[in-house]
Amino acid sequence: MKEHLQGRLAVEPKLINPKASDNAKRLMTYLCSIYGTRTLTGQQVGVVSTPEMEVIRRATGHYPAVGGFDFMNDSPSRVERGSVPTDTPLAIDWWKSGGIVTFCWHWNAPKDLIDEPPDNGWHRGFYTTATTFDIAGAMNDETSEDYALLMRDIDVIAVNLKRLQDEGIPVLWRPLHEASGGWFWWGAKGPDPCIKLWKTMYDRLTNRHGLNNLIWVWNGQHRDWYPGDDVVDIIGEDIYPPERSYVSNVERFRQALGYTAANKLIALSENGPLPDPDQMVDEGAPWLWNCTWYGGFVCEQDASGEWGVGEQYTEREMLLKYYGHPLTVTRDELPDLTVYPLQADPENTEDRTANA
């Protein structure tokens, strides 16, 4: 066993929400049962329809196990400017087809968009450079208009999450991602207001809206931004190595282990090039899932307009290796998560040290 993994891969399948839905519990139990021995393949879907899923299936014979979706176009400041939300029904279809659903939210700032195209147009209002919205001011004054607008936006997303809950869909929910980078407005004023917003969002979605289908994936990427074990189920890292660099990203896995002394599942919640699964095994980087970003990271159009595998970031050979490797799980290999046991069977626990 790799020394840095000693004792860290045995994660109890207990969600932070004591009222978690049965399907959320089933999914968490399954995730904990494979952690350290298998990695779920995953792929993000583009907010402008792109054919990643079908390109991967045609090339490898398999769909990814995890489908990544985004509430970007559900942000009220985008809807009022004409954006059309699409991803909630796509996620419902993905779950019904046997896949696992994860959602992020490129949250367009609720006001104060600079709106100077092309680089800082309203459609880029989640970036710090494209808005003057002050998260610190909003979170320091709960009587302010800015705070009320944040709550309004959260309530809008709650409606979509409720649709998913009504369909029995557990969601790997990854809001306020990459906060410590500072390039998104929710991370522009340091960790304190962002942590407060995370805790406020957890309380509002869980206790006010009764959303018990969420598995909370924290993706702040620095220990100073960690909001606490009581409001985090899973830790995610977003990593974009250079083109055709198939590293295991073991240093970032070790970094994520250091955010808390508690045992938490750790996922590669965004990636550019795929990691080499053999390196993941050899170096001790057992990411729970990966989620390759969309667009040129996966596919490209030829001169005739046909979509195929794009090899700028991950060559076809590595794509085939990853989707056919004994370490990885594709959608057709997933169990039926609507009937999966609510608790792990101690008589049938996988050896988490097998690949460590």
Protein backbone atom coordinates (compact mmCIF):
# COMPACT_ATOMS: atom_id res chain seq x y z
CA MET A 1 0.00 0.00 0.00
CA LYS A 2 1.26 3.50 -0.77
CA GLU A 3 2.23 5.14 2.52
CA HIS A 4 0.16 8.27 1.95
CA LEU A 5 -3.00 6.16 1.61
CA GLN A 6 -2.57 4.26 4.85
CA GLY A 7 -6.01 4.15 6.46
CA ARG A 8 -7.48 6.89 4.23
CA LEU A 9 -9.45 4.79 1.74
CA ALA A 10 -11.92 3.30 4.22
CA VAL A 11 -14.73 5.86 4.07
CA GLU A 12 -17.94 5.28 5.95
CA PRO A 13 -20.97 5.59 3.65
CA LYS A 14 -22.64 8.19 5.82
CA LEU A 15 -23.89 11.41 4.26
CA ILE A 16 -23.72 14.77 6.03
CA ASN A 17 -27.50 15.23 5.62
CA PRO A 18 -29.21 12.97 8.19
CA LYS A 19 -32.38 13.05 6.06
CA ALA A 20 -30.63 11.97 2.86
CA SER A 21 -32.87 10.15 0.39
CA ASP A 22 -32.61 6.42 -0.04
CA ASN A 23 -31.15 6.76 -3.53
CA ALA A 24 -28.54 9.21 -2.27
CA LYS A 25 -27.62 6.68 0.42
CA ARG A 26 -27.46 3.92 -2.20
CA LEU A 27 -25.15 5.93 -4.39
CA MET A 28 -22.90 6.87 -1.47
CA THR A 29 -22.72 3.24 -0.37
CA TYR A 30 -21.73 2.19 -3.88
CA LEU A 31 -19.11 4.94 -4.15
CA CYS A 32 -17.55 3.96 -0.84
CA SER A 33 -17.53 0.28 -1.85
CA ILE A 34 -15.41 0.91 -4.97
CA TYR A 35 -13.18 3.68 -3.62
CA GLY A 36 -9.53 2.71 -3.95
CA THR A 37 -10.22 -0.18 -6.32
CA ARG A 38 -12.17 1.33 -9.24
CA THR A 39 -12.51 4.73 -10.91
CA LEU A 40 -15.73 5.85 -12.58
CA THR A 41 -15.32 7.22 -16.08
CA GLY A 42 -16.99 10.60 -16.53
CA GLN A 43 -17.67 13.29 -19.10
CA GLN A 44 -19.01 16.84 -18.93
CA VAL A 45 -21.73 17.87 -21.38
CA GLY A 46 -21.39 21.23 -23.13
CA VAL A 47 -23.96 23.93 -22.38
CA VAL A 48 -24.19 24.35 -26.15
CA SER A 49 -25.05 20.84 -27.28
CA THR A 50 -21.92 18.91 -28.18
CA PRO A 51 -21.75 15.17 -28.88
CA GLU A 52 -19.12 14.00 -26.39
CA MET A 53 -21.14 11.06 -25.10
CA GLU A 54 -21.81 9.63 -28.55
CA VAL A 55 -18.26 10.26 -29.75
CA ILE A 56 -16.94 8.31 -26.74
CA ARG A 57 -19.43 5.49 -27.27
CA ARG A 58 -18.60 5.14 -30.96
CA ALA A 59 -14.87 5.12 -30.23
CA THR A 60 -14.80 2.86 -27.16
CA GLY A 61 -18.06 0.94 -27.20
CA HIS A 62 -19.01 2.43 -23.83
CA TYR A 63 -20.70 5.46 -22.33
CA PRO A 64 -19.07 7.15 -19.33
CA ALA A 65 -20.47 6.16 -15.95
CA VAL A 66 -20.79 9.78 -14.77
CA GLY A 67 -22.48 12.52 -16.76
CA GLY A 68 -21.51 16.09 -15.89
CA PHE A 69 -24.09 18.88 -16.22
CA ASP A 70 -24.20 22.60 -15.44
CA PHE A 71 -26.87 25.02 -14.20
CA MET A 72 -25.07 27.88 -15.94
CA ASN A 73 -27.99 28.86 -18.15
CA ASP A 74 -30.43 28.62 -15.24
CA SER A 75 -28.77 31.63 -13.56
CA PRO A 76 -31.43 34.39 -13.45
CA SER A 77 -29.08 37.06 -14.84
CA ARG A 78 -28.59 34.87 -17.89
CA VAL A 79 -32.23 33.88 -18.32
CA GLU A 80 -33.30 37.53 -18.29
CA ARG A 81 -30.86 38.08 -21.16
CA GLY A 82 -32.23 35.22 -23.23
CA SER A 83 -30.35 32.09 -22.24
CA VAL A 84 -32.31 28.84 -22.41
CA PRO A 85 -31.78 26.25 -19.64
CA THR A 86 -31.23 22.74 -20.98
CA ASP A 87 -29.37 20.50 -18.57
CA THR A 88 -32.02 19.38 -16.08
CA PRO A 89 -33.95 17.28 -18.63
CA LEU A 90 -30.66 15.97 -20.03
CA ALA A 91 -29.66 14.84 -16.54
CA ILE A 92 -33.02 13.11 -16.04
CA ASP A 93 -32.53 11.19 -19.29
CA TRP A 94 -28.97 10.29 -18.28
CA TRP A 95 -30.11 8.83 -14.96
CA LYS A 96 -32.92 6.89 -16.62
CA SER A 97 -30.34 5.44 -19.00
CA GLY A 98 -28.38 4.07 -16.06
CA GLY A 99 -25.82 6.82 -15.46
CA ILE A 100 -24.70 8.84 -12.44
CA VAL A 101 -25.40 12.59 -12.41
CA THR A 102 -23.08 15.36 -11.27
CA PHE A 103 -23.92 19.08 -11.49
CA CYS A 104 -21.76 22.17 -11.21
CA TRP A 105 -23.01 25.75 -11.45
CA HIS A 106 -21.21 28.46 -13.37
CA TRP A 107 -23.21 30.99 -11.41
CA ASN A 108 -23.61 34.20 -13.36
CA ALA A 109 -23.39 37.04 -10.85
CA PRO A 110 -26.92 38.20 -9.98
CA LYS A 111 -26.11 41.86 -10.79
CA ASP A 112 -23.30 44.27 -11.62
CA LEU A 113 -22.28 42.58 -14.88
CA ILE A 114 -19.70 44.63 -16.77
CA ASP A 115 -21.12 43.43 -20.12
CA GLU A 116 -18.28 44.53 -22.37
CA PRO A 117 -17.91 41.97 -25.15
CA PRO A 118 -16.15 39.95 -26.23
CA ASP A 119 -14.08 38.97 -23.19
CA ASN A 120 -16.36 40.35 -20.46
CA GLY A 121 -19.81 40.01 -21.98
CA TRP A 122 -22.78 39.15 -19.74
CA HIS A 123 -22.46 35.50 -20.71
CA ARG A 124 -19.12 35.41 -18.85
CA GLY A 125 -20.62 36.86 -15.69
CA PHE A 126 -19.31 34.07 -13.45
CA TYR A 127 -15.77 35.37 -13.99
CA THR A 128 -14.30 37.93 -11.61
CA THR A 129 -13.20 40.04 -14.57
CA ALA A 130 -16.76 40.28 -15.92
CA THR A 131 -18.58 41.55 -12.81
CA THR A 132 -18.11 43.95 -9.93
CA PHE A 133 -20.47 41.98 -7.68
CA ASP A 134 -19.05 41.96 -4.14
CA ILE A 135 -19.60 38.65 -2.37
CA ALA A 136 -18.02 39.96 0.84
CA GLY A 137 -20.40 42.89 1.03
CA ALA A 138 -23.38 40.65 0.32
CA MET A 139 -22.50 38.03 2.92
CA ASN A 140 -21.72 40.64 5.57
CA ASP A 141 -25.19 42.19 5.31
CA GLU A 142 -28.10 39.78 5.21
CA THR A 143 -30.52 42.72 4.91
CA SER A 144 -28.93 43.92 1.66
CA GLU A 145 -30.28 43.67 -1.87
CA ASP A 146 -27.17 41.76 -2.90
CA TYR A 147 -27.73 39.08 -0.26
CA ALA A 148 -31.39 38.79 -1.27
CA LEU A 149 -30.36 38.31 -4.89
CA LEU A 150 -27.99 35.51 -3.92
CA MET A 151 -30.84 33.78 -2.09
CA ARG A 152 -33.13 34.33 -5.09
CA ASP A 153 -30.63 32.62 -7.36
CA ILE A 154 -30.19 29.69 -4.99
CA ASP A 155 -33.97 29.31 -4.82
CA VAL A 156 -34.14 29.15 -8.62
CA ILE A 157 -31.60 26.33 -8.72
CA ALA A 158 -33.51 24.61 -5.92
CA VAL A 159 -36.49 24.26 -8.26
CA ASN A 160 -34.34 22.29 -10.71
CA LEU A 161 -32.80 20.18 -7.97
CA LYS A 162 -36.32 19.45 -6.73
CA ARG A 163 -37.26 18.19 -10.21
CA LEU A 164 -34.34 15.79 -9.99
CA GLN A 165 -35.33 14.74 -6.48
CA ASP A 166 -38.87 14.06 -7.65
CA GLU A 167 -37.40 11.72 -10.27
CA GLY A 168 -35.46 9.87 -7.57
CA ILE A 169 -32.12 11.16 -8.83
CA PRO A 170 -29.21 11.61 -6.41
CA VAL A 171 -26.91 14.43 -7.49
CA LEU A 172 -23.19 14.79 -6.96
CA TRP A 173 -23.61 18.52 -6.32
CA ARG A 174 -20.50 20.67 -6.89
CA PRO A 175 -21.27 24.39 -6.39
CA LEU A 176 -18.79 27.25 -5.83
CA HIS A 177 -16.09 25.30 -7.60
CA GLU A 178 -12.43 26.31 -7.92
CA ALA A 179 -13.02 29.11 -5.41
CA SER A 180 -9.44 29.51 -4.24
CA GLY A 181 -8.32 30.35 -7.76
CA GLY A 182 -10.06 33.71 -7.53
CA TRP A 183 -11.14 33.71 -11.17
CA PHE A 184 -14.81 33.27 -10.20
CA TRP A 185 -16.62 36.00 -8.26
CA TRP A 186 -17.45 33.68 -5.36
CA GLY A 187 -13.70 33.37 -4.70
CA ALA A 188 -12.71 36.96 -5.42
CA LYS A 189 -12.74 38.18 -1.80
CA GLY A 190 -10.92 35.37 -0.03
CA PRO A 191 -12.10 32.29 1.84
CA ASP A 192 -14.33 33.76 4.58
CA PRO A 193 -17.29 35.01 2.48
CA CYS A 194 -17.10 31.97 0.23
CA ILE A 195 -17.20 29.57 3.18
CA LYS A 196 -20.13 31.51 4.60
CA LEU A 197 -21.94 31.27 1.25
CA TRP A 198 -21.27 27.52 1.09
CA LYS A 199 -22.72 26.98 4.56
CA THR A 200 -25.68 29.25 3.79
CA MET A 201 -26.37 27.36 0.56
CA TYR A 202 -26.18 24.02 2.36
CA ASP A 203 -28.62 25.19 5.02
CA ARG A 204 -31.03 26.77 2.54
CA LEU A 205 -31.14 23.87 0.10
CA THR A 206 -31.28 21.22 2.81
CA ASN A 207 -33.49 22.76 5.48
CA ARG A 208 -35.59 25.34 3.64
CA HIS A 209 -36.09 23.46 0.38
CA GLY A 210 -35.94 19.92 1.73
CA LEU A 211 -33.45 18.70 -0.86
CA ASN A 212 -32.25 15.37 0.42
CA ASN A 213 -30.93 14.02 -2.88
CA LEU A 214 -27.68 16.00 -2.82
CA ILE A 215 -24.21 14.59 -2.17
CA TRP A 216 -22.09 17.67 -1.50
CA VAL A 217 -18.85 17.82 -3.50
CA TRP A 218 -16.51 20.58 -2.29
CA ASN A 219 -14.04 21.82 -4.89
CA GLY A 220 -12.31 24.79 -3.26
CA GLN A 221 -8.82 23.38 -3.90
CA HIS A 222 -7.05 24.84 -0.86
CA ARG A 223 -7.25 23.81 2.79
CA ASP A 224 -7.86 27.41 3.93
CA TRP A 225 -11.14 27.33 2.00
CA TYR A 226 -12.40 24.05 3.48
CA PRO A 227 -15.82 24.73 5.08
CA GLY A 228 -15.84 21.78 7.49
CA ASP A 229 -16.46 18.05 7.62
CA ASP A 230 -20.10 18.60 8.56
CA VAL A 231 -20.90 20.25 5.22
CA VAL A 232 -18.72 18.20 2.83
CA ASP A 233 -19.35 14.67 1.59
CA ILE A 234 -16.71 14.44 -1.16
CA ILE A 235 -13.64 16.44 -2.14
CA GLY A 236 -13.04 17.24 -5.80
CA GLU A 237 -9.93 18.49 -7.59
CA ASP A 238 -9.95 20.11 -11.05
CA ILE A 239 -6.70 19.52 -12.94
CA TYR A 240 -5.67 20.48 -16.47
CA PRO A 241 -2.20 19.13 -17.34
CA PRO A 242 -0.57 20.02 -20.66
CA GLU A 243 -1.79 18.42 -23.88
CA ARG A 244 -1.24 14.64 -24.05
CA SER A 245 0.20 14.60 -20.54
CA TYR A 246 -1.33 11.50 -18.96
CA VAL A 247 0.01 11.96 -15.44
CA SER A 248 -1.77 10.43 -12.46
CA ASN A 249 -1.90 13.81 -10.65
CA VAL A 250 -0.82 12.03 -7.47
CA GLU A 251 0.54 15.25 -5.93
CA ARG A 252 -2.92 16.82 -6.10
CA PHE A 253 -4.46 13.66 -4.67
CA ARG A 254 -2.10 13.95 -1.72
CA GLN A 255 -2.92 17.63 -1.41
CA ALA A 256 -6.63 16.80 -1.20
CA LEU A 257 -5.92 14.25 1.53
CA GLY A 258 -4.45 17.11 3.56
CA TYR A 259 -7.53 19.32 3.61
CA THR A 260 -8.98 17.41 6.56
CA ALA A 261 -8.04 14.65 8.97
CA ALA A 262 -11.37 12.96 8.25
CA ASN A 263 -11.60 10.28 5.58
CA LYS A 264 -13.39 11.77 2.58
CA LEU A 265 -13.85 10.40 -0.92
CA ILE A 266 -11.68 12.25 -3.45
CA ALA A 267 -12.58 12.71 -7.11
CA LEU A 268 -11.00 14.24 -10.20
CA SER A 269 -14.00 16.49 -10.69
CA GLU A 270 -12.63 18.12 -13.85
CA ASN A 271 -9.77 17.14 -16.12
CA GLY A 272 -8.33 17.94 -19.51
CA PRO A 273 -6.19 15.01 -20.69
CA LEU A 274 -7.13 11.68 -19.18
CA PRO A 275 -4.80 10.26 -16.52
CA ASP A 276 -3.03 7.02 -17.40
CA PRO A 277 -4.82 4.36 -15.30
CA ASP A 278 -1.62 2.35 -14.93
CA GLN A 279 0.11 5.37 -13.41
CA MET A 280 -2.87 5.93 -11.12
CA VAL A 281 -2.44 2.40 -9.80
CA ASP A 282 1.35 2.46 -9.59
CA GLU A 283 1.60 5.87 -7.92
CA GLY A 284 -1.39 5.65 -5.59
CA ALA A 285 -3.85 8.16 -7.04
CA PRO A 286 -7.18 6.28 -6.87
CA TRP A 287 -9.52 9.08 -7.97
CA LEU A 288 -13.12 8.04 -7.37
CA TRP A 289 -14.22 9.41 -10.72
CA ASN A 290 -12.94 11.65 -13.45
CA CYS A 291 -14.96 14.17 -15.45
CA THR A 292 -13.29 15.29 -18.67
CA TRP A 293 -14.30 18.78 -19.74
CA TYR A 294 -16.20 19.21 -22.97
CA GLY A 295 -15.35 20.57 -26.40
CA GLY A 296 -11.85 20.16 -27.78
CA PHE A 297 -10.77 18.02 -24.84
CA VAL A 298 -12.72 15.13 -26.35
CA CYS A 299 -14.06 15.75 -29.84
CA GLU A 300 -13.70 17.78 -33.01
CA GLN A 301 -15.52 18.31 -36.29
CA ASP A 302 -13.98 17.42 -39.62
CA ALA A 303 -14.34 19.44 -42.80
CA SER A 304 -17.67 17.78 -43.57
CA GLY A 305 -19.11 18.67 -40.17
CA GLU A 306 -18.90 15.14 -38.75
CA TRP A 307 -17.90 14.79 -35.11
CA GLY A 308 -15.13 12.44 -34.06
CA VAL A 309 -12.45 11.96 -31.43
CA GLY A 310 -10.28 15.03 -31.02
CA GLU A 311 -6.69 14.06 -30.20
CA GLN A 312 -5.27 17.43 -29.20
CA TYR A 313 -5.44 16.62 -25.47
CA THR A 314 -6.02 12.86 -25.27
CA GLU A 315 -4.99 10.58 -28.10
CA ARG A 316 -7.40 7.91 -29.27
CA GLU A 317 -5.08 5.19 -27.99
CA MET A 318 -5.24 6.57 -24.44
CA LEU A 319 -9.01 7.07 -24.68
CA LEU A 320 -9.40 3.41 -25.61
CA LYS A 321 -7.01 2.33 -22.87
CA TYR A 322 -8.84 4.34 -20.22
CA TYR A 323 -12.31 3.11 -21.14
CA GLY A 324 -11.17 -0.50 -21.44
CA HIS A 325 -8.93 -0.66 -18.37
CA PRO A 326 -9.72 -2.99 -15.41
CA LEU A 327 -9.50 0.03 -13.08
CA THR A 328 -12.26 2.02 -14.73
CA VAL A 329 -16.04 1.64 -14.65
CA THR A 330 -18.25 2.52 -17.61
CA ARG A 331 -22.01 3.08 -17.58
CA ASP A 332 -22.84 -0.47 -18.63
CA GLU A 333 -20.87 -1.77 -15.61
CA LEU A 334 -22.82 0.22 -13.03
CA PRO A 335 -25.27 -1.60 -10.77
CA ASP A 336 -28.93 -0.59 -10.67
CA LEU A 337 -28.60 2.25 -8.20
CA THR A 338 -32.35 2.38 -7.56
CA VAL A 339 -32.19 -0.97 -5.75
CA TYR A 340 -28.59 -1.00 -4.54
CA PRO A 341 -28.27 -1.89 -0.83
CA LEU A 342 -28.65 1.08 1.50
CA GLN A 343 -25.70 -0.12 3.55
CA ALA A 344 -22.49 -1.92 2.67
CA ASP A 345 -22.47 -5.69 3.15
CA PRO A 346 -19.54 -6.50 5.46
CA GLU A 347 -19.45 -9.99 3.96
CA ASN A 348 -18.82 -8.54 0.49
CA THR A 349 -16.48 -5.59 1.04
CA GLU A 350 -13.93 -5.04 -1.72
CA ASP A 351 -10.26 -4.89 -0.75
CA ARG A 352 -9.47 -1.18 -0.96
CA THR A 353 -5.76 -1.86 -0.84
CA ALA A 354 -5.74 -3.86 -4.08
CA ASN A 355 -4.72 -0.92 -6.27
CA ALA A 356 -3.04 1.19 -3.63
